[in-house]
Amino acid sequence: MISIIFGILLLVVLLFNTIKILNEYERAVVFRLGRYTGIRGPGLIILIPGIEKMRRVDLRTITMDIPSQDIISRDNVTLKVNGVVYFRVDVPDKSVIAVEDYLQATAQISQTTLRSVIGQFELDEILSNRELINSKLQTILDEQTEPWGIKVTVVEVKAIDLPIEMQRAMAKQAQAERDKRAKVISAEGELAASKKLAEAAEILATQKNAITLRYLETMREISIGEGKSTTFFPLPVDFLMKVLNPKDA
C-alpha cells in the first residue's frame, strides 16, 4: 500500500516537472544539462525530468517607474526628476543568458541614464524641450539594453521638482514678462490711436462743419448718463469774436 502511494506521488511529481503550460504572452528558455537548447511555447511543452529545465519569460510590455533623482543641471540648478520607462523582452534567450536579472538591470541603467542626460541641459531647456529629452533617453536606453534582448519603446520624464527659491524667481520672471507684454501692447495701442487722431484732425481741418458736428456729439455724450443734469448755453462764434475784439467789429 505504501509503495503504491509512493509510486503515485512520484508519478505526480514527474508529470508536474514534465508537462508545462505557457500562456500566449510567455516563452520558455530551455536548458538541457545546463546548456541552452532553444525557446519553446506558448501552449503545452514537455520537459525531460531531471535533464531539462526552463526559465519562464513574460513578453508583455513592462511599465517601470524611475524613482526621483537628485540632478544638477548644466547651469548648476538642483532638481528632483522622476520618470517612467516602457519596455518589453524582444529576445527571450538573451534576457536570461546575457544578464542575471533584466528587470533590476534595466531599472539601474534607467536611473543612471536619466541623471546623465538631464545634466547635459540647462533648466530652461529641460522645461521647454521635454520631447527632445524623452527621445534622447529612449535612444540611449534602447542601445544599452539591446544586448540583453530588451526593447525600450517609450521613456517619459514625469515630474520636475524645483527648489522653492527657484520657483519664486521664475514666478517673478514670469510676472515681469507679463508686465513687459502689457506695456508693449499699451504702447502699440497709443501709437495706433495717435495715427487715427492725426488722420481725424486732418479731415476736421478741411471740413469746418465737421468740427461743429463733433462738438454736438460730444455734448450729447456728456448729457447722457444716469443721474446727470447738464445745461448748455450755445453762443455764436461770431458774437464771441466781436466781444473779444471790438476794434475789428
C-alpha atoms as a PDB file:
ATOM      1  CA  MET A   1       0.000   0.000   0.000  1.00  0.00           C
ATOM      2  CA  ILE A   2       2.802   2.390   0.917  1.00  0.00           C
ATOM      3  CA  SER A   3       4.663   1.575  -2.277  1.00  0.00           C
ATOM      4  CA  ILE A   4       1.541   2.311  -4.339  1.00  0.00           C
ATOM      5  CA  ILE A   5       1.077   5.717  -2.675  1.00  0.00           C
ATOM      6  CA  PHE A   6       4.775   6.432  -3.135  1.00  0.00           C
ATOM      7  CA  GLY A   7       4.526   5.457  -6.789  1.00  0.00           C
ATOM      8  CA  ILE A   8       1.513   7.735  -7.319  1.00  0.00           C
ATOM      9  CA  LEU A   9       3.290  10.655  -5.660  1.00  0.00           C
ATOM     10  CA  LEU A  10       6.379  10.028  -7.773  1.00  0.00           C
ATOM     11  CA  LEU A  11       4.255   9.950 -10.923  1.00  0.00           C
ATOM     12  CA  VAL A  12       2.567  13.241  -9.981  1.00  0.00           C
ATOM     13  CA  VAL A  13       5.955  14.892  -9.372  1.00  0.00           C
ATOM     14  CA  LEU A  14       7.272  13.615 -12.694  1.00  0.00           C
ATOM     15  CA  LEU A  15       4.201  14.858 -14.551  1.00  0.00           C
ATOM     16  CA  PHE A  16       4.456  18.224 -12.808  1.00  0.00           C
ATOM     17  CA  ASN A  17       8.093  18.568 -13.884  1.00  0.00           C
ATOM     18  CA  THR A  18       7.477  17.175 -17.359  1.00  0.00           C
ATOM     19  CA  ILE A  19       4.344  18.956 -18.573  1.00  0.00           C
ATOM     20  CA  LYS A  20       4.271  22.751 -18.591  1.00  0.00           C
ATOM     21  CA  ILE A  21       1.604  25.074 -19.945  1.00  0.00           C
ATOM     22  CA  LEU A  22       2.620  28.537 -21.125  1.00  0.00           C
ATOM     23  CA  ASN A  23       0.273  31.447 -21.794  1.00  0.00           C
ATOM     24  CA  GLU A  24       0.208  33.204 -25.150  1.00  0.00           C
ATOM     25  CA  TYR A  25       2.426  36.006 -23.819  1.00  0.00           C
ATOM     26  CA  GLU A  26       5.014  33.644 -22.268  1.00  0.00           C
ATOM     27  CA  ARG A  27       8.029  31.763 -23.615  1.00  0.00           C
ATOM     28  CA  ALA A  28      10.231  29.078 -22.060  1.00  0.00           C
ATOM     29  CA  VAL A  29      14.013  29.271 -22.353  1.00  0.00           C
ATOM     30  CA  VAL A  30      15.042  25.614 -22.064  1.00  0.00           C
ATOM     31  CA  PHE A  31      18.384  24.278 -20.776  1.00  0.00           C
ATOM     32  CA  ARG A  32      19.443  20.637 -21.133  1.00  0.00           C
ATOM     33  CA  LEU A  33      22.127  19.637 -18.656  1.00  0.00           C
ATOM     34  CA  GLY A  34      22.952  23.310 -18.263  1.00  0.00           C
ATOM     35  CA  ARG A  35      23.250  24.052 -21.986  1.00  0.00           C
ATOM     36  CA  TYR A  36      20.809  26.284 -23.848  1.00  0.00           C
ATOM     37  CA  THR A  37      18.701  24.255 -26.298  1.00  0.00           C
ATOM     38  CA  GLY A  38      16.034  26.689 -27.523  1.00  0.00           C
ATOM     39  CA  ILE A  39      12.822  28.559 -26.894  1.00  0.00           C
ATOM     40  CA  ARG A  40       9.504  26.765 -26.533  1.00  0.00           C
ATOM     41  CA  GLY A  41       5.890  27.830 -26.194  1.00  0.00           C
ATOM     42  CA  PRO A  42       3.260  29.075 -25.933  1.00  0.00           C
ATOM     43  CA  GLY A  43       0.923  26.218 -25.076  1.00  0.00           C
ATOM     44  CA  LEU A  44       1.828  22.745 -23.862  1.00  0.00           C
ATOM     45  CA  ILE A  45       5.518  21.811 -23.661  1.00  0.00           C
ATOM     46  CA  ILE A  46       7.197  18.659 -22.389  1.00  0.00           C
ATOM     47  CA  LEU A  47      10.493  18.606 -20.487  1.00  0.00           C
ATOM     48  CA  ILE A  48      12.719  15.640 -19.724  1.00  0.00           C
ATOM     49  CA  PRO A  49      12.619  15.308 -15.914  1.00  0.00           C
ATOM     50  CA  GLY A  50      15.971  15.822 -14.228  1.00  0.00           C
ATOM     51  CA  ILE A  51      17.656  16.701 -17.523  1.00  0.00           C
ATOM     52  CA  GLU A  52      15.864  19.728 -18.855  1.00  0.00           C
ATOM     53  CA  LYS A  53      14.972  22.929 -17.010  1.00  0.00           C
ATOM     54  CA  MET A  54      13.258  26.050 -18.177  1.00  0.00           C
ATOM     55  CA  ARG A  55      13.057  29.748 -17.370  1.00  0.00           C
ATOM     56  CA  ARG A  56       9.697  31.381 -17.987  1.00  0.00           C
ATOM     57  CA  VAL A  57       9.880  34.817 -19.696  1.00  0.00           C
ATOM     58  CA  ASP A  58       6.999  37.316 -19.975  1.00  0.00           C
ATOM     59  CA  LEU A  59       6.837  39.122 -23.339  1.00  0.00           C
ATOM     60  CA  ARG A  60       4.295  41.779 -22.359  1.00  0.00           C
ATOM     61  CA  THR A  61       5.232  45.449 -22.117  1.00  0.00           C
ATOM     62  CA  ILE A  62       6.503  46.315 -18.643  1.00  0.00           C
ATOM     63  CA  THR A  63       5.932  49.707 -17.017  1.00  0.00           C
ATOM     64  CA  MET A  64       8.742  50.716 -14.676  1.00  0.00           C
ATOM     65  CA  ASP A  65       8.894  53.884 -12.591  1.00  0.00           C
ATOM     66  CA  ILE A  66      12.217  55.696 -12.333  1.00  0.00           C
ATOM     67  CA  PRO A  67      12.471  56.936  -8.735  1.00  0.00           C
ATOM     68  CA  SER A  68      13.037  60.635  -8.120  1.00  0.00           C
ATOM     69  CA  GLN A  69      16.673  61.518  -8.782  1.00  0.00           C
ATOM     70  CA  ASP A  70      18.671  64.488  -7.442  1.00  0.00           C
ATOM     71  CA  ILE A  71      20.177  66.026 -10.560  1.00  0.00           C
ATOM     72  CA  ILE A  72      22.282  69.147 -11.147  1.00  0.00           C
ATOM     73  CA  SER A  73      21.559  70.796 -14.481  1.00  0.00           C
ATOM     74  CA  ARG A  74      24.241  72.323 -16.692  1.00  0.00           C
ATOM     75  CA  ASP A  75      23.561  75.769 -15.210  1.00  0.00           C
ATOM     76  CA  ASN A  76      24.010  74.384 -11.650  1.00  0.00           C
ATOM     77  CA  VAL A  77      20.350  74.171 -10.611  1.00  0.00           C
ATOM     78  CA  THR A  78      19.448  71.265  -8.320  1.00  0.00           C
ATOM     79  CA  LEU A  79      16.374  69.362  -9.496  1.00  0.00           C
ATOM     80  CA  LYS A  80      14.381  66.328  -8.480  1.00  0.00           C
ATOM     81  CA  VAL A  81      13.312  64.412 -11.591  1.00  0.00           C
ATOM     82  CA  ASN A  82      11.413  61.160 -11.963  1.00  0.00           C
ATOM     83  CA  GLY A  83      10.186  59.282 -14.997  1.00  0.00           C
ATOM     84  CA  VAL A  84       8.713  56.111 -16.426  1.00  0.00           C
ATOM     85  CA  VAL A  85      10.074  53.507 -18.843  1.00  0.00           C
ATOM     86  CA  TYR A  86       8.046  51.188 -21.081  1.00  0.00           C
ATOM     87  CA  PHE A  87       9.940  48.148 -22.352  1.00  0.00           C
ATOM     88  CA  ARG A  88       9.465  44.526 -23.318  1.00  0.00           C
ATOM     89  CA  VAL A  89      11.549  41.395 -23.820  1.00  0.00           C
ATOM     90  CA  ASP A  90      12.276  41.045 -27.529  1.00  0.00           C
ATOM     91  CA  VAL A  91      14.716  38.115 -27.415  1.00  0.00           C
ATOM     92  CA  PRO A  92      13.870  35.760 -24.519  1.00  0.00           C
ATOM     93  CA  ASP A  93      17.110  33.756 -24.583  1.00  0.00           C
ATOM     94  CA  LYS A  94      19.282  36.897 -24.286  1.00  0.00           C
ATOM     95  CA  SER A  95      17.216  38.192 -21.354  1.00  0.00           C
ATOM     96  CA  VAL A  96      18.077  35.003 -19.461  1.00  0.00           C
ATOM     97  CA  ILE A  97      21.615  34.254 -20.647  1.00  0.00           C
ATOM     98  CA  ALA A  98      23.150  37.716 -21.123  1.00  0.00           C
ATOM     99  CA  VAL A  99      22.042  39.301 -17.821  1.00  0.00           C
ATOM    100  CA  GLU A 100      21.315  37.949 -14.347  1.00  0.00           C
ATOM    101  CA  ASP A 101      18.144  39.966 -13.727  1.00  0.00           C
ATOM    102  CA  TYR A 102      16.978  42.067 -16.660  1.00  0.00           C
ATOM    103  CA  LEU A 103      14.372  43.939 -14.548  1.00  0.00           C
ATOM    104  CA  GLN A 104      16.933  45.094 -11.987  1.00  0.00           C
ATOM    105  CA  ALA A 105      19.493  45.859 -14.680  1.00  0.00           C
ATOM    106  CA  THR A 106      17.020  47.954 -16.691  1.00  0.00           C
ATOM    107  CA  ALA A 107      15.966  49.867 -13.570  1.00  0.00           C
ATOM    108  CA  GLN A 108      19.553  50.727 -12.661  1.00  0.00           C
ATOM    109  CA  ILE A 109      20.584  51.774 -16.168  1.00  0.00           C
ATOM    110  CA  SER A 110      17.424  53.907 -16.441  1.00  0.00           C
ATOM    111  CA  GLN A 111      18.299  55.857 -13.291  1.00  0.00           C
ATOM    112  CA  THR A 112      21.896  56.385 -14.419  1.00  0.00           C
ATOM    113  CA  THR A 113      20.868  57.482 -17.908  1.00  0.00           C
ATOM    114  CA  LEU A 114      18.250  59.904 -16.554  1.00  0.00           C
ATOM    115  CA  ARG A 115      20.843  61.644 -14.378  1.00  0.00           C
ATOM    116  CA  SER A 116      23.383  61.744 -17.206  1.00  0.00           C
ATOM    117  CA  VAL A 117      21.034  63.134 -19.872  1.00  0.00           C
ATOM    118  CA  ILE A 118      19.253  65.719 -17.711  1.00  0.00           C
ATOM    119  CA  GLY A 119      22.623  67.012 -16.503  1.00  0.00           C
ATOM    120  CA  GLN A 120      23.534  67.955 -20.091  1.00  0.00           C
ATOM    121  CA  PHE A 121      20.740  70.540 -20.366  1.00  0.00           C
ATOM    122  CA  GLU A 122      20.100  73.909 -18.758  1.00  0.00           C
ATOM    123  CA  LEU A 123      16.954  74.478 -16.709  1.00  0.00           C
ATOM    124  CA  ASP A 124      15.085  76.381 -19.438  1.00  0.00           C
ATOM    125  CA  GLU A 125      15.890  73.634 -21.952  1.00  0.00           C
ATOM    126  CA  ILE A 126      14.694  70.931 -19.549  1.00  0.00           C
ATOM    127  CA  LEU A 127      11.362  72.685 -19.048  1.00  0.00           C
ATOM    128  CA  SER A 128      10.775  73.503 -22.721  1.00  0.00           C
ATOM    129  CA  ASN A 129      12.307  70.531 -24.575  1.00  0.00           C
ATOM    130  CA  ARG A 130      10.604  67.560 -22.918  1.00  0.00           C
ATOM    131  CA  GLU A 131      10.098  65.719 -26.221  1.00  0.00           C
ATOM    132  CA  LEU A 132      13.772  66.060 -27.173  1.00  0.00           C
ATOM    133  CA  ILE A 133      14.909  64.778 -23.768  1.00  0.00           C
ATOM    134  CA  ASN A 134      12.444  61.871 -23.863  1.00  0.00           C
ATOM    135  CA  SER A 135      13.618  60.897 -27.344  1.00  0.00           C
ATOM    136  CA  LYS A 136      17.272  61.028 -26.306  1.00  0.00           C
ATOM    137  CA  LEU A 137      16.598  58.934 -23.190  1.00  0.00           C
ATOM    138  CA  GLN A 138      14.722  56.326 -25.236  1.00  0.00           C
ATOM    139  CA  THR A 139      17.506  56.075 -27.822  1.00  0.00           C
ATOM    140  CA  ILE A 140      20.278  55.689 -25.244  1.00  0.00           C
ATOM    141  CA  LEU A 141      18.384  53.144 -23.123  1.00  0.00           C
ATOM    142  CA  ASP A 142      17.420  51.113 -26.183  1.00  0.00           C
ATOM    143  CA  GLU A 143      21.054  50.917 -27.284  1.00  0.00           C
ATOM    144  CA  GLN A 144      22.265  49.947 -23.808  1.00  0.00           C
ATOM    145  CA  THR A 145      19.649  47.229 -23.229  1.00  0.00           C
ATOM    146  CA  GLU A 146      19.712  45.741 -26.744  1.00  0.00           C
ATOM    147  CA  PRO A 147      22.437  43.160 -25.806  1.00  0.00           C
ATOM    148  CA  TRP A 148      20.064  41.871 -23.102  1.00  0.00           C
ATOM    149  CA  GLY A 149      17.251  41.303 -25.595  1.00  0.00           C
ATOM    150  CA  ILE A 150      15.257  44.257 -24.237  1.00  0.00           C
ATOM    151  CA  LYS A 151      13.372  46.738 -26.433  1.00  0.00           C
ATOM    152  CA  VAL A 152      12.726  50.140 -24.820  1.00  0.00           C
ATOM    153  CA  THR A 153       9.688  51.661 -26.533  1.00  0.00           C
ATOM    154  CA  VAL A 154       8.936  54.834 -24.546  1.00  0.00           C
ATOM    155  CA  VAL A 155      10.687  56.925 -21.892  1.00  0.00           C
ATOM    156  CA  GLU A 156       8.862  59.876 -20.322  1.00  0.00           C
ATOM    157  CA  VAL A 157      10.006  62.448 -17.768  1.00  0.00           C
ATOM    158  CA  LYS A 158       7.010  62.632 -15.423  1.00  0.00           C
ATOM    159  CA  ALA A 159       7.766  65.412 -12.953  1.00  0.00           C
ATOM    160  CA  ILE A 160      10.443  68.050 -12.374  1.00  0.00           C
ATOM    161  CA  ASP A 161      10.541  69.479  -8.853  1.00  0.00           C
ATOM    162  CA  LEU A 162      12.301  72.832  -8.440  1.00  0.00           C
ATOM    163  CA  PRO A 163      13.629  74.381  -5.201  1.00  0.00           C
ATOM    164  CA  ILE A 164      11.296  76.919  -3.579  1.00  0.00           C
ATOM    165  CA  GLU A 165      13.759  79.756  -4.241  1.00  0.00           C
ATOM    166  CA  MET A 166      13.865  78.877  -7.948  1.00  0.00           C
ATOM    167  CA  GLN A 167      10.068  78.698  -8.122  1.00  0.00           C
ATOM    168  CA  ARG A 168       9.817  82.195  -6.629  1.00  0.00           C
ATOM    169  CA  ALA A 169      12.454  83.528  -9.035  1.00  0.00           C
ATOM    170  CA  MET A 170      10.633  82.011 -12.006  1.00  0.00           C
ATOM    171  CA  ALA A 171       7.333  83.466 -10.794  1.00  0.00           C
ATOM    172  CA  LYS A 172       8.918  86.940 -10.625  1.00  0.00           C
ATOM    173  CA  GLN A 173      10.391  86.465 -14.084  1.00  0.00           C
ATOM    174  CA  ALA A 174       7.007  85.404 -15.470  1.00  0.00           C
ATOM    175  CA  GLN A 175       5.332  88.432 -13.847  1.00  0.00           C
ATOM    176  CA  ALA A 176       7.962  90.714 -15.353  1.00  0.00           C
ATOM    177  CA  GLU A 177       7.385  89.178 -18.779  1.00  0.00           C
ATOM    178  CA  ARG A 178       3.628  89.737 -18.450  1.00  0.00           C
ATOM    179  CA  ASP A 179       4.179  93.377 -17.379  1.00  0.00           C
ATOM    180  CA  LYS A 180       6.504  93.858 -20.335  1.00  0.00           C
ATOM    181  CA  ARG A 181       3.941  92.481 -22.781  1.00  0.00           C
ATOM    182  CA  ALA A 182       1.208  94.657 -21.236  1.00  0.00           C
ATOM    183  CA  LYS A 183       3.321  97.794 -21.632  1.00  0.00           C
ATOM    184  CA  VAL A 184       4.219  96.924 -25.217  1.00  0.00           C
ATOM    185  CA  ILE A 185       0.562  96.293 -26.083  1.00  0.00           C
ATOM    186  CA  SER A 186      -0.441  99.577 -24.421  1.00  0.00           C
ATOM    187  CA  ALA A 187       2.257 101.479 -26.332  1.00  0.00           C
ATOM    188  CA  GLU A 188       1.166  99.902 -29.604  1.00  0.00           C
ATOM    189  CA  GLY A 189      -2.423 100.934 -28.833  1.00  0.00           C
ATOM    190  CA  GLU A 190      -1.327 104.517 -28.121  1.00  0.00           C
ATOM    191  CA  LEU A 191       0.619 104.613 -31.396  1.00  0.00           C
ATOM    192  CA  ALA A 192      -2.357 103.350 -33.393  1.00  0.00           C
ATOM    193  CA  ALA A 193      -4.670 105.828 -31.632  1.00  0.00           C
ATOM    194  CA  SER A 194      -2.328 108.748 -32.340  1.00  0.00           C
ATOM    195  CA  LYS A 195      -2.238 107.865 -36.035  1.00  0.00           C
ATOM    196  CA  LYS A 196      -6.022 107.759 -36.181  1.00  0.00           C
ATOM    197  CA  LEU A 197      -6.291 111.061 -34.282  1.00  0.00           C
ATOM    198  CA  ALA A 198      -3.876 112.684 -36.736  1.00  0.00           C
ATOM    199  CA  GLU A 199      -5.978 111.468 -39.653  1.00  0.00           C
ATOM    200  CA  ALA A 200      -9.138 112.757 -37.945  1.00  0.00           C
ATOM    201  CA  ALA A 201      -7.513 116.156 -37.312  1.00  0.00           C
ATOM    202  CA  GLU A 202      -6.616 116.482 -40.973  1.00  0.00           C
ATOM    203  CA  ILE A 203     -10.207 115.746 -42.005  1.00  0.00           C
ATOM    204  CA  LEU A 204     -11.684 118.157 -39.454  1.00  0.00           C
ATOM    205  CA  ALA A 205      -9.277 120.877 -40.589  1.00  0.00           C
ATOM    206  CA  THR A 206     -10.657 120.717 -44.122  1.00  0.00           C
ATOM    207  CA  GLN A 207     -14.321 120.456 -43.111  1.00  0.00           C
ATOM    208  CA  LYS A 208     -15.405 123.299 -40.786  1.00  0.00           C
ATOM    209  CA  ASN A 209     -18.914 121.948 -40.296  1.00  0.00           C
ATOM    210  CA  ALA A 210     -17.474 118.598 -39.200  1.00  0.00           C
ATOM    211  CA  ILE A 211     -15.929 120.103 -36.053  1.00  0.00           C
ATOM    212  CA  THR A 212     -19.311 121.614 -35.162  1.00  0.00           C
ATOM    213  CA  LEU A 213     -20.974 118.224 -35.529  1.00  0.00           C
ATOM    214  CA  ARG A 214     -18.261 116.745 -33.374  1.00  0.00           C
ATOM    215  CA  TYR A 215     -18.950 119.346 -30.681  1.00  0.00           C
ATOM    216  CA  LEU A 216     -22.628 118.459 -30.748  1.00  0.00           C
ATOM    217  CA  GLU A 217     -21.831 114.765 -30.482  1.00  0.00           C
ATOM    218  CA  THR A 218     -19.579 115.422 -27.504  1.00  0.00           C
ATOM    219  CA  MET A 219     -22.306 117.440 -25.779  1.00  0.00           C
ATOM    220  CA  ARG A 220     -24.776 114.634 -26.352  1.00  0.00           C
ATOM    221  CA  GLU A 221     -22.386 112.138 -24.740  1.00  0.00           C
ATOM    222  CA  ILE A 222     -21.885 114.435 -21.749  1.00  0.00           C
ATOM    223  CA  SER A 223     -25.610 114.960 -21.258  1.00  0.00           C
ATOM    224  CA  ILE A 224     -26.401 111.227 -21.425  1.00  0.00           C
ATOM    225  CA  GLY A 225     -25.960 109.478 -18.145  1.00  0.00           C
ATOM    226  CA  GLU A 226     -27.931 108.265 -15.180  1.00  0.00           C
ATOM    227  CA  GLY A 227     -28.418 110.873 -12.501  1.00  0.00           C
ATOM    228  CA  LYS A 228     -26.856 113.673 -14.592  1.00  0.00           C
ATOM    229  CA  SER A 229     -28.335 117.091 -15.287  1.00  0.00           C
ATOM    230  CA  THR A 230     -26.322 119.227 -17.707  1.00  0.00           C
ATOM    231  CA  THR A 231     -27.348 122.541 -19.244  1.00  0.00           C
ATOM    232  CA  PHE A 232     -25.629 124.070 -22.302  1.00  0.00           C
ATOM    233  CA  PHE A 233     -25.729 127.714 -23.408  1.00  0.00           C
ATOM    234  CA  PRO A 234     -24.766 127.884 -27.052  1.00  0.00           C
ATOM    235  CA  LEU A 235     -23.170 131.149 -28.168  1.00  0.00           C
ATOM    236  CA  PRO A 236     -22.348 132.051 -31.763  1.00  0.00           C
ATOM    237  CA  VAL A 237     -18.647 132.115 -32.507  1.00  0.00           C
ATOM    238  CA  ASP A 238     -19.008 135.413 -34.408  1.00  0.00           C
ATOM    239  CA  PHE A 239     -20.538 137.022 -31.317  1.00  0.00           C
ATOM    240  CA  LEU A 240     -17.616 135.921 -29.152  1.00  0.00           C
ATOM    241  CA  MET A 241     -15.173 137.295 -31.710  1.00  0.00           C
ATOM    242  CA  LYS A 242     -16.891 140.713 -31.574  1.00  0.00           C
ATOM    243  CA  VAL A 243     -16.803 140.721 -27.797  1.00  0.00           C
ATOM    244  CA  LEU A 244     -13.137 139.755 -27.638  1.00  0.00           C
ATOM    245  CA  ASN A 245     -12.038 142.064 -30.481  1.00  0.00           C
ATOM    246  CA  PRO A 246     -14.355 145.116 -30.522  1.00  0.00           C
ATOM    247  CA  LYS A 247     -11.959 147.079 -32.783  1.00  0.00           C
ATOM    248  CA  ASP A 248     -12.310 144.533 -35.559  1.00  0.00           C
ATOM    249  CA  ALA A 249     -16.084 144.743 -35.283  1.00  0.00           C
END
